[in-house]
């Protein structure tokens, strides 16, 4: 493989990971807002808290 091919493959992998993460966040948000069951809403909020927690830069 050449360097441009490796760069292209890396960009595609990064794009796919970003799309998967965004889809996960969106579905968890919709579930947290629209779930009919309070337990499901609470669980979805906990998942969102885990996915969106800020990392310290120590």
N, C-alpha and C. Protein backbone atom coordinates (compact mmCIF):
# COMPACT_ATOMS: atom_id res chain seq x y z
N UNK A 1 0.84 -1.19 0.00
CA UNK A 1 0.00 0.00 0.00
C UNK A 1 0.88 1.25 0.00
N UNK A 2 0.40 2.22 -0.68
CA UNK A 2 1.13 3.49 -0.72
C UNK A 2 0.60 4.41 0.37
N UNK A 3 1.35 5.47 0.61
CA UNK A 3 0.97 6.42 1.64
C UNK A 3 -0.41 7.06 1.38
N UNK A 4 -0.72 7.48 0.15
CA UNK A 4 -2.06 8.04 -0.09
C UNK A 4 -3.18 7.03 0.17
N UNK A 5 -2.95 5.77 -0.14
CA UNK A 5 -3.97 4.75 0.14
C UNK A 5 -4.18 4.58 1.64
N UNK A 6 -3.10 4.58 2.40
CA UNK A 6 -3.22 4.46 3.85
C UNK A 6 -3.94 5.66 4.44
N UNK A 7 -3.62 6.84 3.94
CA UNK A 7 -4.29 8.05 4.40
C UNK A 7 -5.78 7.98 4.09
N UNK A 8 -6.12 7.55 2.89
CA UNK A 8 -7.53 7.43 2.47
C UNK A 8 -8.27 6.44 3.36
N UNK A 9 -7.66 5.29 3.62
CA UNK A 9 -8.28 4.29 4.48
C UNK A 9 -8.48 4.82 5.90
N UNK A 10 -7.52 5.58 6.39
CA UNK A 10 -7.65 6.17 7.72
C UNK A 10 -8.78 7.17 7.79
N UNK A 11 -8.92 7.97 6.74
CA UNK A 11 -10.01 8.95 6.70
C UNK A 11 -11.36 8.24 6.65
N UNK A 12 -11.45 7.18 5.86
CA UNK A 12 -12.71 6.42 5.80
C UNK A 12 -13.05 5.79 7.15
N UNK A 13 -12.06 5.23 7.83
CA UNK A 13 -12.30 4.62 9.14
C UNK A 13 -12.73 5.66 10.16
N UNK A 14 -12.12 6.82 10.11
CA UNK A 14 -12.49 7.90 11.03
C UNK A 14 -13.91 8.37 10.76
N UNK A 15 -14.27 8.50 9.50
CA UNK A 15 -15.63 8.90 9.14
C UNK A 15 -16.66 7.88 9.59
N UNK A 16 -16.35 6.60 9.42
CA UNK A 16 -17.28 5.55 9.84
C UNK A 16 -17.46 5.56 11.36
N UNK A 17 -16.37 5.73 12.09
CA UNK A 17 -16.45 5.77 13.55
C UNK A 17 -17.25 6.99 14.02
N UNK A 18 -17.07 8.11 13.36
CA UNK A 18 -17.81 9.33 13.71
C UNK A 18 -19.29 9.14 13.45
N UNK A 19 -19.63 8.53 12.34
CA UNK A 19 -21.04 8.28 12.01
C UNK A 19 -21.67 7.32 13.02
N UNK A 20 -20.95 6.29 13.40
CA UNK A 20 -21.47 5.34 14.39
C UNK A 20 -21.68 6.02 15.74
N UNK A 21 -20.73 6.83 16.18
CA UNK A 21 -20.84 7.53 17.46
C UNK A 21 -22.03 8.51 17.43
N UNK A 22 -22.16 9.25 16.35
CA UNK A 22 -23.26 10.21 16.22
C UNK A 22 -24.61 9.51 16.23
N UNK A 23 -24.70 8.39 15.54
CA UNK A 23 -25.95 7.62 15.53
C UNK A 23 -26.29 7.10 16.92
N UNK A 24 -25.28 6.63 17.64
CA UNK A 24 -25.51 6.13 19.00
C UNK A 24 -26.01 7.24 19.91
N UNK A 25 -25.39 8.42 19.84
CA UNK A 25 -25.81 9.55 20.66
C UNK A 25 -27.24 9.96 20.32
N UNK A 26 -27.54 10.01 19.03
CA UNK A 26 -28.89 10.41 18.60
C UNK A 26 -29.95 9.43 19.08
N UNK A 27 -29.70 8.15 18.93
CA UNK A 27 -30.68 7.15 19.38
C UNK A 27 -30.85 7.17 20.89
N UNK A 28 -29.76 7.34 21.64
CA UNK A 28 -29.88 7.41 23.10
C UNK A 28 -30.65 8.65 23.52
N UNK A 29 -30.45 9.76 22.82
CA UNK A 29 -31.18 10.99 23.14
C UNK A 29 -32.66 10.83 22.86
N UNK A 30 -33.00 10.26 21.72
CA UNK A 30 -34.41 10.04 21.39
C UNK A 30 -35.06 9.13 22.41
N UNK A 31 -34.35 8.08 22.80
CA UNK A 31 -34.89 7.15 23.81
C UNK A 31 -35.06 7.86 25.14
N UNK A 32 -34.09 8.68 25.53
CA UNK A 32 -34.18 9.39 26.81
C UNK A 32 -35.36 10.35 26.83
N UNK A 33 -35.73 10.89 25.69
CA UNK A 33 -36.83 11.84 25.63
C UNK A 33 -38.19 11.19 25.41
N UNK A 34 -38.23 10.10 24.65
CA UNK A 34 -39.51 9.59 24.18
C UNK A 34 -39.91 8.21 24.72
N UNK A 35 -39.08 7.60 25.53
CA UNK A 35 -39.43 6.26 26.03
C UNK A 35 -40.66 6.34 26.93
N UNK A 36 -41.58 5.42 26.77
CA UNK A 36 -42.80 5.44 27.58
C UNK A 36 -42.57 5.02 29.03
N UNK A 37 -41.51 4.31 29.27
CA UNK A 37 -41.23 3.75 30.58
C UNK A 37 -40.17 4.61 31.29
N UNK A 38 -40.41 5.04 32.52
CA UNK A 38 -39.42 5.86 33.24
C UNK A 38 -38.06 5.16 33.41
N UNK A 39 -38.07 3.84 33.57
CA UNK A 39 -36.81 3.11 33.70
C UNK A 39 -35.99 3.19 32.42
N UNK A 40 -36.66 3.08 31.28
CA UNK A 40 -35.95 3.18 30.00
C UNK A 40 -35.38 4.58 29.82
N UNK A 41 -36.12 5.60 30.18
CA UNK A 41 -35.62 6.97 30.08
C UNK A 41 -34.41 7.18 30.98
N UNK A 42 -34.48 6.66 32.19
CA UNK A 42 -33.38 6.79 33.14
C UNK A 42 -32.13 6.07 32.61
N UNK A 43 -32.32 4.87 32.08
CA UNK A 43 -31.19 4.12 31.53
C UNK A 43 -30.57 4.84 30.34
N UNK A 44 -31.41 5.41 29.49
CA UNK A 44 -30.90 6.14 28.33
C UNK A 44 -30.13 7.38 28.77
N UNK A 45 -30.61 8.06 29.81
CA UNK A 45 -29.89 9.22 30.32
C UNK A 45 -28.53 8.81 30.90
N UNK A 46 -28.49 7.65 31.55
CA UNK A 46 -27.21 7.17 32.09
C UNK A 46 -26.23 6.84 30.96
N UNK A 47 -26.72 6.25 29.89
CA UNK A 47 -25.87 5.97 28.73
C UNK A 47 -25.34 7.26 28.14
N UNK A 48 -26.21 8.26 28.00
CA UNK A 48 -25.77 9.56 27.49
C UNK A 48 -24.71 10.19 28.39
N UNK A 49 -24.90 10.08 29.69
CA UNK A 49 -23.92 10.64 30.62
C UNK A 49 -22.56 9.97 30.44
N UNK A 50 -22.56 8.67 30.21
CA UNK A 50 -21.30 7.96 29.99
C UNK A 50 -20.65 8.36 28.67
N UNK A 51 -21.46 8.47 27.63
CA UNK A 51 -20.92 8.78 26.31
C UNK A 51 -20.46 10.23 26.18
N UNK A 52 -21.12 11.13 26.89
CA UNK A 52 -20.83 12.55 26.72
C UNK A 52 -20.01 13.14 27.86
N UNK A 53 -19.54 12.32 28.79
CA UNK A 53 -18.81 12.89 29.92
C UNK A 53 -17.52 13.52 29.43
N UNK A 54 -17.20 14.62 30.05
CA UNK A 54 -15.98 15.36 29.67
C UNK A 54 -14.78 14.72 30.34
N UNK A 55 -13.73 14.65 29.59
CA UNK A 55 -12.49 14.08 30.12
C UNK A 55 -11.60 15.22 30.58
N UNK A 56 -10.97 15.02 31.73
CA UNK A 56 -10.06 16.05 32.23
C UNK A 56 -8.75 15.99 31.43
N UNK A 57 -8.09 17.11 31.34
CA UNK A 57 -6.84 17.20 30.57
C UNK A 57 -5.65 17.30 31.49
N UNK A 58 -5.61 16.43 32.51
CA UNK A 58 -4.50 16.43 33.48
C UNK A 58 -3.30 15.75 32.91
